[in-house]
PDB file of N, CA and C in Angstrom:
ATOM      1  N   MET A   1       7.080 -22.682  15.122  1.00  0.00           N
ATOM      2  CA  MET A   1       6.757 -21.436  14.415  1.00  0.00           C
ATOM      3  C   MET A   1       7.657 -20.319  14.933  1.00  0.00           C
ATOM      4  N   GLY A   2       7.797 -19.322  14.115  1.00  0.00           N
ATOM      5  CA  GLY A   2       8.539 -18.137  14.482  1.00  0.00           C
ATOM      6  C   GLY A   2       7.926 -16.932  13.797  1.00  0.00           C
ATOM      7  N   THR A   3       8.391 -15.777  14.145  1.00  0.00           N
ATOM      8  CA  THR A   3       7.892 -14.539  13.544  1.00  0.00           C
ATOM      9  C   THR A   3       9.059 -13.755  12.968  1.00  0.00           C
ATOM     10  N   ILE A   4       8.922 -13.375  11.725  1.00  0.00           N
ATOM     11  CA  ILE A   4       9.891 -12.509  11.058  1.00  0.00           C
ATOM     12  C   ILE A   4       9.232 -11.139  10.942  1.00  0.00           C
ATOM     13  N   GLU A   5       9.917 -10.107  11.418  1.00  0.00           N
ATOM     14  CA  GLU A   5       9.394  -8.752  11.334  1.00  0.00           C
ATOM     15  C   GLU A   5      10.381  -7.864  10.588  1.00  0.00           C
ATOM     16  N   ILE A   6       9.861  -7.107   9.657  1.00  0.00           N
ATOM     17  CA  ILE A   6      10.646  -6.083   8.978  1.00  0.00           C
ATOM     18  C   ILE A   6       9.945  -4.765   9.307  1.00  0.00           C
ATOM     19  N   GLU A   7      10.642  -3.895  10.006  1.00  0.00           N
ATOM     20  CA  GLU A   7      10.018  -2.691  10.526  1.00  0.00           C
ATOM     21  C   GLU A   7      10.681  -1.430   9.975  1.00  0.00           C
ATOM     22  N   GLY A   8       9.861  -0.419   9.785  1.00  0.00           N
ATOM     23  CA  GLY A   8      10.383   0.891   9.411  1.00  0.00           C
ATOM     24  C   GLY A   8      10.850   1.017   7.972  1.00  0.00           C
ATOM     25  N   MET A   9      10.275   0.226   7.069  1.00  0.00           N
ATOM     26  CA  MET A   9      10.619   0.379   5.652  1.00  0.00           C
ATOM     27  C   MET A   9      10.059   1.728   5.180  1.00  0.00           C
ATOM     28  N   GLU A  10      10.883   2.545   4.583  1.00  0.00           N
ATOM     29  CA  GLU A  10      10.453   3.862   4.114  1.00  0.00           C
ATOM     30  C   GLU A  10      10.417   3.895   2.590  1.00  0.00           C
ATOM     31  N   PHE A  11       9.348   4.470   2.077  1.00  0.00           N
ATOM     32  CA  PHE A  11       9.184   4.596   0.630  1.00  0.00           C
ATOM     33  C   PHE A  11       8.608   5.965   0.317  1.00  0.00           C
ATOM     34  N   TYR A  12       9.031   6.533  -0.784  1.00  0.00           N
ATOM     35  CA  TYR A  12       8.377   7.723  -1.314  1.00  0.00           C
ATOM     36  C   TYR A  12       7.526   7.226  -2.465  1.00  0.00           C
ATOM     37  N   ALA A  13       6.220   7.465  -2.372  1.00  0.00           N
ATOM     38  CA  ALA A  13       5.307   6.897  -3.365  1.00  0.00           C
ATOM     39  C   ALA A  13       4.180   7.878  -3.668  1.00  0.00           C
ATOM     40  N   TYR A  14       3.348   7.507  -4.599  1.00  0.00           N
ATOM     41  CA  TYR A  14       2.334   8.408  -5.143  1.00  0.00           C
ATOM     42  C   TYR A  14       0.934   7.835  -4.942  1.00  0.00           C
ATOM     43  N   HIS A  15       0.618   7.468  -3.711  1.00  0.00           N
ATOM     44  CA  HIS A  15      -0.683   6.925  -3.359  1.00  0.00           C
ATOM     45  C   HIS A  15      -1.553   8.020  -2.778  1.00  0.00           C
ATOM     46  N   GLY A  16      -2.844   7.923  -3.034  1.00  0.00           N
ATOM     47  CA  GLY A  16      -3.778   8.856  -2.409  1.00  0.00           C
ATOM     48  C   GLY A  16      -5.020   9.042  -3.249  1.00  0.00           C
ATOM     49  N   HIS A  17      -6.059   9.450  -2.583  1.00  0.00           N
ATOM     50  CA  HIS A  17      -7.349   9.678  -3.245  1.00  0.00           C
ATOM     51  C   HIS A  17      -7.319  10.931  -4.105  1.00  0.00           C
ATOM     52  N   PHE A  18      -6.610  11.957  -3.641  1.00  0.00           N
ATOM     53  CA  PHE A  18      -6.611  13.232  -4.347  1.00  0.00           C
ATOM     54  C   PHE A  18      -5.540  13.258  -5.437  1.00  0.00           C
ATOM     55  N   LYS A  19      -5.877  13.898  -6.551  1.00  0.00           N
ATOM     56  CA  LYS A  19      -4.971  13.954  -7.699  1.00  0.00           C
ATOM     57  C   LYS A  19      -3.599  14.508  -7.311  1.00  0.00           C
ATOM     58  N   GLN A  20      -3.586  15.531  -6.475  1.00  0.00           N
ATOM     59  CA  GLN A  20      -2.319  16.148  -6.070  1.00  0.00           C
ATOM     60  C   GLN A  20      -1.413  15.125  -5.367  1.00  0.00           C
ATOM     61  N   GLU A  21      -2.001  14.229  -4.573  1.00  0.00           N
ATOM     62  CA  GLU A  21      -1.203  13.213  -3.881  1.00  0.00           C
ATOM     63  C   GLU A  21      -0.515  12.288  -4.879  1.00  0.00           C
ATOM     64  N   GLN A  22      -1.189  12.019  -5.997  1.00  0.00           N
ATOM     65  CA  GLN A  22      -0.625  11.115  -6.988  1.00  0.00           C
ATOM     66  C   GLN A  22       0.383  11.814  -7.889  1.00  0.00           C
ATOM     67  N   VAL A  23       0.461  13.131  -7.793  1.00  0.00           N
ATOM     68  CA  VAL A  23       1.450  13.885  -8.558  1.00  0.00           C
ATOM     69  C   VAL A  23       2.652  14.240  -7.678  1.00  0.00           C
ATOM     70  N   VAL A  24       2.383  14.776  -6.500  1.00  0.00           N
ATOM     71  CA  VAL A  24       3.437  15.245  -5.602  1.00  0.00           C
ATOM     72  C   VAL A  24       4.063  14.079  -4.829  1.00  0.00           C
ATOM     73  N   GLY A  25       3.259  13.119  -4.421  1.00  0.00           N
ATOM     74  CA  GLY A  25       3.754  11.984  -3.654  1.00  0.00           C
ATOM     75  C   GLY A  25       3.862  12.289  -2.176  1.00  0.00           C
ATOM     76  N   ASN A  26       4.279  11.268  -1.434  1.00  0.00           N
ATOM     77  CA  ASN A  26       4.368  11.391   0.009  1.00  0.00           C
ATOM     78  C   ASN A  26       5.274  10.285   0.535  1.00  0.00           C
ATOM     79  N   LYS A  27       5.669  10.426   1.785  1.00  0.00           N
ATOM     80  CA  LYS A  27       6.488   9.414   2.447  1.00  0.00           C
ATOM     81  C   LYS A  27       5.569   8.406   3.137  1.00  0.00           C
ATOM     82  N   PHE A  28       5.924   7.126   3.002  1.00  0.00           N
ATOM     83  CA  PHE A  28       5.163   6.037   3.603  1.00  0.00           C
ATOM     84  C   PHE A  28       6.096   5.157   4.419  1.00  0.00           C
ATOM     85  N   LEU A  29       5.568   4.612   5.502  1.00  0.00           N
ATOM     86  CA  LEU A  29       6.278   3.630   6.313  1.00  0.00           C
ATOM     87  C   LEU A  29       5.517   2.316   6.256  1.00  0.00           C
ATOM     88  N   VAL A  30       6.255   1.224   6.172  1.00  0.00           N
ATOM     89  CA  VAL A  30       5.639  -0.104   6.111  1.00  0.00           C
ATOM     90  C   VAL A  30       6.306  -1.000   7.143  1.00  0.00           C
ATOM     91  N   ASN A  31       5.476  -1.720   7.888  1.00  0.00           N
ATOM     92  CA  ASN A  31       5.927  -2.748   8.822  1.00  0.00           C
ATOM     93  C   ASN A  31       5.227  -4.050   8.454  1.00  0.00           C
ATOM     94  N   ILE A  32       5.952  -5.148   8.515  1.00  0.00           N
ATOM     95  CA  ILE A  32       5.375  -6.459   8.214  1.00  0.00           C
ATOM     96  C   ILE A  32       5.791  -7.445   9.297  1.00  0.00           C
ATOM     97  N   SER A  33       4.865  -8.303   9.661  1.00  0.00           N
ATOM     98  CA  SER A  33       5.120  -9.391  10.600  1.00  0.00           C
ATOM     99  C   SER A  33       4.616 -10.668   9.941  1.00  0.00           C
ATOM    100  N   ILE A  34       5.483 -11.662   9.846  1.00  0.00           N
ATOM    101  CA  ILE A  34       5.132 -12.915   9.166  1.00  0.00           C
ATOM    102  C   ILE A  34       5.408 -14.086  10.093  1.00  0.00           C
ATOM    103  N   GLU A  35       4.387 -14.879  10.337  1.00  0.00           N
ATOM    104  CA  GLU A  35       4.554 -16.107  11.104  1.00  0.00           C
ATOM    105  C   GLU A  35       4.837 -17.242  10.134  1.00  0.00           C
ATOM    106  N   THR A  36       5.924 -17.966  10.399  1.00  0.00           N
ATOM    107  CA  THR A  36       6.339 -19.062   9.523  1.00  0.00           C
ATOM    108  C   THR A  36       7.136 -20.070  10.347  1.00  0.00           C
ATOM    109  N   ASN A  37       7.341 -21.243   9.804  1.00  0.00           N
ATOM    110  CA  ASN A  37       8.129 -22.262  10.490  1.00  0.00           C
ATOM    111  C   ASN A  37       9.613 -21.915  10.333  1.00  0.00           C
ATOM    112  N   CYS A  38      10.259 -21.628  11.435  1.00  0.00           N
ATOM    113  CA  CYS A  38      11.675 -21.258  11.432  1.00  0.00           C
ATOM    114  C   CYS A  38      12.570 -22.388  11.945  1.00  0.00           C
ATOM    115  N   THR A  39      11.982 -23.530  12.264  1.00  0.00           N
ATOM    116  CA  THR A  39      12.726 -24.603  12.905  1.00  0.00           C
ATOM    117  C   THR A  39      13.871 -25.122  12.040  1.00  0.00           C
ATOM    118  N   THR A  40      13.594 -25.465  10.793  1.00  0.00           N
ATOM    119  CA  THR A  40      14.628 -26.025   9.918  1.00  0.00           C
ATOM    120  C   THR A  40      15.766 -25.033   9.714  1.00  0.00           C
ATOM    121  N   ALA A  41      15.429 -23.779   9.423  1.00  0.00           N
ATOM    122  CA  ALA A  41      16.463 -22.752   9.223  1.00  0.00           C
ATOM    123  C   ALA A  41      17.251 -22.508  10.506  1.00  0.00           C
ATOM    124  N   GLY A  42      16.587 -22.620  11.646  1.00  0.00           N
ATOM    125  CA  GLY A  42      17.259 -22.434  12.918  1.00  0.00           C
ATOM    126  C   GLY A  42      18.320 -23.484  13.186  1.00  0.00           C
ATOM    127  N   VAL A  43      18.118 -24.685  12.636  1.00  0.00           N
ATOM    128  CA  VAL A  43      19.079 -25.775  12.809  1.00  0.00           C
ATOM    129  C   VAL A  43      20.133 -25.756  11.706  1.00  0.00           C
ATOM    130  N   SER A  44      19.677 -25.567  10.451  1.00  0.00           N
ATOM    131  CA  SER A  44      20.587 -25.704   9.300  1.00  0.00           C
ATOM    132  C   SER A  44      21.463 -24.472   9.071  1.00  0.00           C
ATOM    133  N   ASP A  45      20.990 -23.289   9.476  1.00  0.00           N
ATOM    134  CA  ASP A  45      21.686 -22.031   9.207  1.00  0.00           C
ATOM    135  C   ASP A  45      21.847 -21.808   7.700  1.00  0.00           C
ATOM    136  N   ASN A  46      20.834 -22.252   6.933  1.00  0.00           N
ATOM    137  CA  ASN A  46      20.877 -22.190   5.476  1.00  0.00           C
ATOM    138  C   ASN A  46      19.705 -21.349   4.974  1.00  0.00           C
ATOM    139  N   LEU A  47      19.996 -20.348   4.161  1.00  0.00           N
ATOM    140  CA  LEU A  47      18.961 -19.455   3.638  1.00  0.00           C
ATOM    141  C   LEU A  47      17.890 -20.209   2.849  1.00  0.00           C
ATOM    142  N   HIS A  48      18.261 -21.287   2.201  1.00  0.00           N
ATOM    143  CA  HIS A  48      17.289 -22.055   1.418  1.00  0.00           C
ATOM    144  C   HIS A  48      16.205 -22.681   2.287  1.00  0.00           C
ATOM    145  N   ASP A  49      16.460 -22.791   3.586  1.00  0.00           N
ATOM    146  CA  ASP A  49      15.481 -23.356   4.515  1.00  0.00           C
ATOM    147  C   ASP A  49      14.649 -22.277   5.203  1.00  0.00           C
ATOM    148  N   ALA A  50      14.906 -21.030   4.867  1.00  0.00           N
ATOM    149  CA  ALA A  50      14.248 -19.904   5.541  1.00  0.00           C
ATOM    150  C   ALA A  50      13.328 -19.155   4.583  1.00  0.00           C
ATOM    151  N   LEU A  51      12.446 -18.352   5.161  1.00  0.00           N
ATOM    152  CA  LEU A  51      11.685 -17.403   4.370  1.00  0.00           C
ATOM    153  C   LEU A  51      12.619 -16.212   4.155  1.00  0.00           C
ATOM    154  N   ASP A  52      13.004 -15.982   2.938  1.00  0.00           N
ATOM    155  CA  ASP A  52      14.018 -14.974   2.595  1.00  0.00           C
ATOM    156  C   ASP A  52      13.421 -13.565   2.725  1.00  0.00           C
ATOM    157  N   TYR A  53      13.798 -12.863   3.788  1.00  0.00           N
ATOM    158  CA  TYR A  53      13.189 -11.553   3.999  1.00  0.00           C
ATOM    159  C   TYR A  53      13.720 -10.485   3.072  1.00  0.00           C
ATOM    160  N   GLN A  54      14.827 -10.730   2.384  1.00  0.00           N
ATOM    161  CA  GLN A  54      15.253  -9.805   1.319  1.00  0.00           C
ATOM    162  C   GLN A  54      14.239  -9.859   0.174  1.00  0.00           C
ATOM    163  N   LYS A  55      13.755 -11.061  -0.131  1.00  0.00           N
ATOM    164  CA  LYS A  55      12.723 -11.202  -1.172  1.00  0.00           C
ATOM    165  C   LYS A  55      11.413 -10.559  -0.729  1.00  0.00           C
ATOM    166  N   VAL A  56      11.094 -10.675   0.555  1.00  0.00           N
ATOM    167  CA  VAL A  56       9.888 -10.035   1.090  1.00  0.00           C
ATOM    168  C   VAL A  56       9.997  -8.519   0.901  1.00  0.00           C
ATOM    169  N   TYR A  57      11.141  -7.947   1.276  1.00  0.00           N
ATOM    170  CA  TYR A  57      11.344  -6.507   1.111  1.00  0.00           C
ATOM    171  C   TYR A  57      11.198  -6.096  -0.359  1.00  0.00           C
ATOM    172  N   ASN A  58      11.827  -6.825  -1.253  1.00  0.00           N
ATOM    173  CA  ASN A  58      11.759  -6.486  -2.681  1.00  0.00           C
ATOM    174  C   ASN A  58      10.334  -6.552  -3.205  1.00  0.00           C
ATOM    175  N   LEU A  59       9.568  -7.532  -2.742  1.00  0.00           N
ATOM    176  CA  LEU A  59       8.167  -7.651  -3.145  1.00  0.00           C
ATOM    177  C   LEU A  59       7.378  -6.430  -2.667  1.00  0.00           C
ATOM    178  N   ILE A  60       7.585  -6.037  -1.415  1.00  0.00           N
ATOM    179  CA  ILE A  60       6.891  -4.866  -0.872  1.00  0.00           C
ATOM    180  C   ILE A  60       7.302  -3.607  -1.631  1.00  0.00           C
ATOM    181  N   LYS A  61       8.571  -3.470  -1.914  1.00  0.00           N
ATOM    182  CA  LYS A  61       9.071  -2.313  -2.673  1.00  0.00           C
ATOM    183  C   LYS A  61       8.389  -2.226  -4.037  1.00  0.00           C
ATOM    184  N   GLU A  62       8.287  -3.345  -4.736  1.00  0.00           N
ATOM    185  CA  GLU A  62       7.619  -3.369  -6.047  1.00  0.00           C
ATOM    186  C   GLU A  62       6.154  -2.949  -5.931  1.00  0.00           C
ATOM    187  N   GLU A  63       5.472  -3.443  -4.917  1.00  0.00           N
ATOM    188  CA  GLU A  63       4.055  -3.097  -4.753  1.00  0.00           C
ATOM    189  C   GLU A  63       3.886  -1.631  -4.353  1.00  0.00           C
ATOM    190  N   MET A  64       4.813  -1.084  -3.581  1.00  0.00           N
ATOM    191  CA  MET A  64       4.722   0.325  -3.185  1.00  0.00           C
ATOM    192  C   MET A  64       4.941   1.252  -4.376  1.00  0.00           C
ATOM    193  N   GLU A  65       5.577   0.782  -5.425  1.00  0.00           N
ATOM    194  CA  GLU A  65       5.811   1.592  -6.626  1.00  0.00           C
ATOM    195  C   GLU A  65       4.574   1.694  -7.512  1.00  0.00           C
ATOM    196  N   LYS A  66       3.565   0.849  -7.267  1.00  0.00           N
ATOM    197  CA  LYS A  66       2.312   0.885  -8.036  1.00  0.00           C
ATOM    198  C   LYS A  66       1.328   1.812  -7.339  1.00  0.00           C
ATOM    199  N   LYS A  67       0.753   2.765  -8.079  1.00  0.00           N
ATOM    200  CA  LYS A  67      -0.167   3.741  -7.489  1.00  0.00           C
ATOM    201  C   LYS A  67      -1.459   3.075  -7.018  1.00  0.00           C
ATOM    202  N   SER A  68      -1.933   3.540  -5.876  1.00  0.00           N
ATOM    203  CA  SER A  68      -3.234   3.137  -5.328  1.00  0.00           C
ATOM    204  C   SER A  68      -3.910   4.363  -4.737  1.00  0.00           C
ATOM    205  N   PHE A  69      -5.225   4.342  -4.700  1.00  0.00           N
ATOM    206  CA  PHE A  69      -5.971   5.419  -4.072  1.00  0.00           C
ATOM    207  C   PHE A  69      -6.023   5.254  -2.555  1.00  0.00           C
ATOM    208  N   LEU A  70      -6.077   3.987  -2.085  1.00  0.00           N
ATOM    209  CA  LEU A  70      -6.296   3.727  -0.665  1.00  0.00           C
ATOM    210  C   LEU A  70      -5.194   2.873  -0.051  1.00  0.00           C
ATOM    211  N   LEU A  71      -4.897   3.133   1.211  1.00  0.00           N
ATOM    212  CA  LEU A  71      -3.936   2.316   1.943  1.00  0.00           C
ATOM    213  C   LEU A  71      -4.428   0.877   2.064  1.00  0.00           C
ATOM    214  N   GLU A  72      -5.741   0.701   2.181  1.00  0.00           N
ATOM    215  CA  GLU A  72      -6.319  -0.639   2.253  1.00  0.00           C
ATOM    216  C   GLU A  72      -5.973  -1.456   1.008  1.00  0.00           C
ATOM    217  N   HIS A  73      -5.994  -0.815  -0.134  1.00  0.00           N
ATOM    218  CA  HIS A  73      -5.679  -1.489  -1.398  1.00  0.00           C
ATOM    219  C   HIS A  73      -4.209  -1.905  -1.440  1.00  0.00           C
ATOM    220  N   ILE A  74      -3.339  -1.034  -0.946  1.00  0.00           N
ATOM    221  CA  ILE A  74      -1.909  -1.359  -0.895  1.00  0.00           C
ATOM    222  C   ILE A  74      -1.687  -2.578  -0.008  1.00  0.00           C
ATOM    223  N   CYS A  75      -2.274  -2.564   1.183  1.00  0.00           N
ATOM    224  CA  CYS A  75      -2.130  -3.696   2.108  1.00  0.00           C
ATOM    225  C   CYS A  75      -2.625  -4.992   1.473  1.00  0.00           C
ATOM    226  N   ASN A  76      -3.780  -4.937   0.859  1.00  0.00           N
ATOM    227  CA  ASN A  76      -4.363  -6.131   0.244  1.00  0.00           C
ATOM    228  C   ASN A  76      -3.489  -6.669  -0.881  1.00  0.00           C
ATOM    229  N   ARG A  77      -2.970  -5.777  -1.721  1.00  0.00           N
ATOM    230  CA  ARG A  77      -2.091  -6.205  -2.820  1.00  0.00           C
ATOM    231  C   ARG A  77      -0.831  -6.875  -2.291  1.00  0.00           C
ATOM    232  N   ILE A  78      -0.245  -6.290  -1.251  1.00  0.00           N
ATOM    233  CA  ILE A  78       0.979  -6.862  -0.682  1.00  0.00           C
ATOM    234  C   ILE A  78       0.693  -8.235  -0.087  1.00  0.00           C
ATOM    235  N   LEU A  79      -0.400  -8.368   0.661  1.00  0.00           N
ATOM    236  CA  LEU A  79      -0.750  -9.671   1.232  1.00  0.00           C
ATOM    237  C   LEU A  79      -1.006 -10.704   0.138  1.00  0.00           C
ATOM    238  N   ASP A  80      -1.733 -10.319  -0.909  1.00  0.00           N
ATOM    239  CA  ASP A  80      -1.974 -11.238  -2.035  1.00  0.00           C
ATOM    240  C   ASP A  80      -0.660 -11.737  -2.614  1.00  0.00           C
ATOM    241  N   LYS A  81       0.244 -10.822  -2.851  1.00  0.00           N
ATOM    242  CA  LYS A  81       1.535 -11.163  -3.460  1.00  0.00           C
ATOM    243  C   LYS A  81       2.367 -12.046  -2.530  1.00  0.00           C
ATOM    244  N   LEU A  82       2.395 -11.722  -1.246  1.00  0.00           N
ATOM    245  CA  LEU A  82       3.151 -12.528  -0.281  1.00  0.00           C
ATOM    246  C   LEU A  82       2.668 -13.974  -0.269  1.00  0.00           C
ATOM    247  N   TYR A  83       1.354 -14.137  -0.192  1.00  0.00           N
ATOM    248  CA  TYR A  83       0.809 -15.493  -0.121  1.00  0.00           C
ATOM    249  C   TYR A  83       0.981 -16.252  -1.437  1.00  0.00           C
ATOM    250  N   SER A  84       1.047 -15.546  -2.551  1.00  0.00           N
ATOM    251  CA  SER A  84       1.274 -16.239  -3.826  1.00  0.00           C
ATOM    252  C   SER A  84       2.739 -16.629  -3.997  1.00  0.00           C
ATOM    253  N   GLU A  85       3.649 -15.885  -3.372  1.00  0.00           N
ATOM    254  CA  GLU A  85       5.085 -16.145  -3.525  1.00  0.00           C
ATOM    255  C   GLU A  85       5.652 -17.086  -2.463  1.00  0.00           C
ATOM    256  N   PHE A  86       5.077 -17.072  -1.263  1.00  0.00           N
ATOM    257  CA  PHE A  86       5.639 -17.836  -0.144  1.00  0.00           C
ATOM    258  C   PHE A  86       4.579 -18.764   0.439  1.00  0.00           C
ATOM    259  N   THR A  87       4.766 -20.048   0.245  1.00  0.00           N
ATOM    260  CA  THR A  87       3.768 -21.025   0.682  1.00  0.00           C
ATOM    261  C   THR A  87       3.889 -21.379   2.160  1.00  0.00           C
ATOM    262  N   THR A  88       4.951 -20.955   2.820  1.00  0.00           N
ATOM    263  CA  THR A  88       5.177 -21.322   4.217  1.00  0.00           C
ATOM    264  C   THR A  88       4.626 -20.305   5.217  1.00  0.00           C
ATOM    265  N   ILE A  89       3.950 -19.261   4.738  1.00  0.00           N
ATOM    266  CA  ILE A  89       3.414 -18.240   5.642  1.00  0.00           C
ATOM    267  C   ILE A  89       2.192 -18.790   6.361  1.00  0.00           C
ATOM    268  N   GLY A  90       2.218 -18.710   7.696  1.00  0.00           N
ATOM    269  CA  GLY A  90       1.064 -19.082   8.493  1.00  0.00           C
ATOM    270  C   GLY A  90       0.116 -17.906   8.646  1.00  0.00           C
ATOM    271  N   LYS A  91       0.671 -16.759   8.972  1.00  0.00           N
ATOM    272  CA  LYS A  91      -0.101 -15.531   9.134  1.00  0.00           C
ATOM    273  C   LYS A  91       0.813 -14.355   8.816  1.00  0.00           C
ATOM    274  N   ALA A  92       0.242 -13.339   8.203  1.00  0.00           N
ATOM    275  CA  ALA A  92       1.000 -12.118   7.917  1.00  0.00           C
ATOM    276  C   ALA A  92       0.158 -10.913   8.318  1.00  0.00           C
ATOM    277  N   THR A  93       0.828  -9.933   8.907  1.00  0.00           N
ATOM    278  CA  THR A  93       0.192  -8.676   9.273  1.00  0.00           C
ATOM    279  C   THR A  93       1.028  -7.545   8.697  1.00  0.00           C
ATOM    280  N   ILE A  94       0.356  -6.661   7.957  1.00  0.00           N
ATOM    281  CA  ILE A  94       1.063  -5.536   7.345  1.00  0.00           C
ATOM    282  C   ILE A  94       0.432  -4.231   7.815  1.00  0.00           C
ATOM    283  N   LYS A  95       1.294  -3.246   8.048  1.00  0.00           N
ATOM    284  CA  LYS A  95       0.842  -1.907   8.422  1.00  0.00           C
ATOM    285  C   LYS A  95       1.489  -0.917   7.466  1.00  0.00           C
ATOM    286  N   VAL A  96       0.648  -0.134   6.790  1.00  0.00           N
ATOM    287  CA  VAL A  96       1.126   0.900   5.876  1.00  0.00           C
ATOM    288  C   VAL A  96       0.681   2.248   6.437  1.00  0.00           C
ATOM    289  N   SER A  97       1.631   3.156   6.597  1.00  0.00           N
ATOM    290  CA  SER A  97       1.356   4.476   7.170  1.00  0.00           C
ATOM    291  C   SER A  97       1.738   5.564   6.174  1.00  0.00           C
ATOM    292  N   LYS A  98       0.863   6.549   6.054  1.00  0.00           N
ATOM    293  CA  LYS A  98       1.167   7.743   5.253  1.00  0.00           C
ATOM    294  C   LYS A  98       1.566   8.846   6.222  1.00  0.00           C
ATOM    295  N   ILE A  99       2.752   9.407   6.015  1.00  0.00           N
ATOM    296  CA  ILE A  99       3.277  10.448   6.889  1.00  0.00           C
ATOM    297  C   ILE A  99       2.696  11.805   6.478  1.00  0.00           C
ATOM    298  N   ASN A 100       2.305  12.601   7.449  1.00  0.00           N
ATOM    299  CA  ASN A 100       1.732  13.937   7.211  1.00  0.00           C
ATOM    300  C   ASN A 100       0.648  13.935   6.136  1.00  0.00           C
ATOM    301  N   PRO A 101      -0.419  13.185   6.326  1.00  0.00           N
ATOM    302  CA  PRO A 101      -1.469  13.127   5.296  1.00  0.00           C
ATOM    303  C   PRO A 101      -2.178  14.477   5.154  1.00  0.00           C
ATOM    304  N   PRO A 102      -2.575  14.818   3.926  1.00  0.00           N
ATOM    305  CA  PRO A 102      -3.238  16.107   3.697  1.00  0.00           C
ATOM    306  C   PRO A 102      -4.710  16.048   4.111  1.00  0.00           C
ATOM    307  N   MET A 103      -4.955  16.168   5.420  1.00  0.00           N
ATOM    308  CA  MET A 103      -6.316  16.040   5.942  1.00  0.00           C
ATOM    309  C   MET A 103      -6.806  17.328   6.597  1.00  0.00           C
ATOM    310  N   GLY A 104      -6.109  18.429   6.367  1.00  0.00           N
ATOM    311  CA  GLY A 104      -6.576  19.708   6.870  1.00  0.00           C
ATOM    312  C   GLY A 104      -6.167  20.022   8.295  1.00  0.00           C
ATOM    313  N   GLY A 105      -5.213  19.292   8.828  1.00  0.00           N
ATOM    314  CA  GLY A 105      -4.746  19.550  10.183  1.00  0.00           C
ATOM    315  C   GLY A 105      -3.362  18.963  10.385  1.00  0.00           C
ATOM    316  N   GLN A 106      -2.822  19.172  11.564  1.00  0.00           N
ATOM    317  CA  GLN A 106      -1.506  18.639  11.898  1.00  0.00           C
ATOM    318  C   GLN A 106      -1.673  17.186  12.323  1.00  0.00           C
ATOM    319  N   ILE A 107      -1.316  16.264  11.437  1.00  0.00           N
ATOM    320  CA  ILE A 107      -1.458  14.833  11.694  1.00  0.00           C
ATOM    321  C   ILE A 107      -0.139  14.170  11.365  1.00  0.00           C
ATOM    322  N   LYS A 108       0.422  13.455  12.323  1.00  0.00           N
ATOM    323  CA  LYS A 108       1.714  12.800  12.126  1.00  0.00           C
ATOM    324  C   LYS A 108       1.628  11.723  11.051  1.00  0.00           C
ATOM    325  N   LYS A 109       0.617  10.857  11.158  1.00  0.00           N
ATOM    326  CA  LYS A 109       0.463   9.805  10.158  1.00  0.00           C
ATOM    327  C   LYS A 109      -0.914   9.178  10.275  1.00  0.00           C
ATOM    328  N   VAL A 110      -1.305   8.519   9.216  1.00  0.00           N
ATOM    329  CA  VAL A 110      -2.515   7.703   9.214  1.00  0.00           C
ATOM    330  C   VAL A 110      -2.092   6.319   8.740  1.00  0.00           C
ATOM    331  N   SER A 111      -2.635   5.274   9.370  1.00  0.00           N
ATOM    332  CA  SER A 111      -2.177   3.917   9.076  1.00  0.00           C
ATOM    333  C   SER A 111      -3.352   2.966   8.865  1.00  0.00           C
ATOM    334  N   VAL A 112      -3.087   1.944   8.082  1.00  0.00           N
ATOM    335  CA  VAL A 112      -4.019   0.827   7.934  1.00  0.00           C
ATOM    336  C   VAL A 112      -3.232  -0.446   8.209  1.00  0.00           C
ATOM    337  N   THR A 113      -3.792  -1.315   9.041  1.00  0.00           N
ATOM    338  CA  THR A 113      -3.188  -2.600   9.362  1.00  0.00           C
ATOM    339  C   THR A 113      -4.154  -3.690   8.942  1.00  0.00           C
ATOM    340  N   MET A 114      -3.626  -4.676   8.212  1.00  0.00           N
ATOM    341  CA  MET A 114      -4.450  -5.817   7.783  1.00  0.00           C
ATOM    342  C   MET A 114      -3.688  -7.107   8.044  1.00  0.00           C
ATOM    343  N   SER A 115      -4.440  -8.144   8.388  1.00  0.00           N
ATOM    344  CA  SER A 115      -3.857  -9.472   8.634  1.00  0.00           C
ATOM    345  C   SER A 115      -4.590 -10.517   7.816  1.00  0.00           C
ATOM    346  N   ARG A 116      -3.840 -11.558   7.539  1.00  0.00           N
ATOM    347  CA  ARG A 116      -4.445 -12.701   6.847  1.00  0.00           C
ATOM    348  C   ARG A 116      -3.747 -13.939   7.327  1.00  0.00           C
TER     349      ARG A 116
END
């Protein structure tokens, strides 16, 4: 087994409970960690034997473009899509962070992390 991590993906998206958040938008950061068998790819040096992390990024990008009210919903949608597209995933952990959330105070970010 091995772990593939894609860290610090930045997206500008329109997620949030409040109407203004879905109009104005906000900056989001996404980190993903995927446990998968890397042995064959490690020997063959062939992308066809690996979990293609460019495809993982594109999948996350597509899901981040769909509006959601909650970060939990975004995480769940991404995990659902990952597991439907990639059969070799043993475990995946995703963290979605909203930068400067409108919560009435100085807050750097709020995050939700989910694993499956």
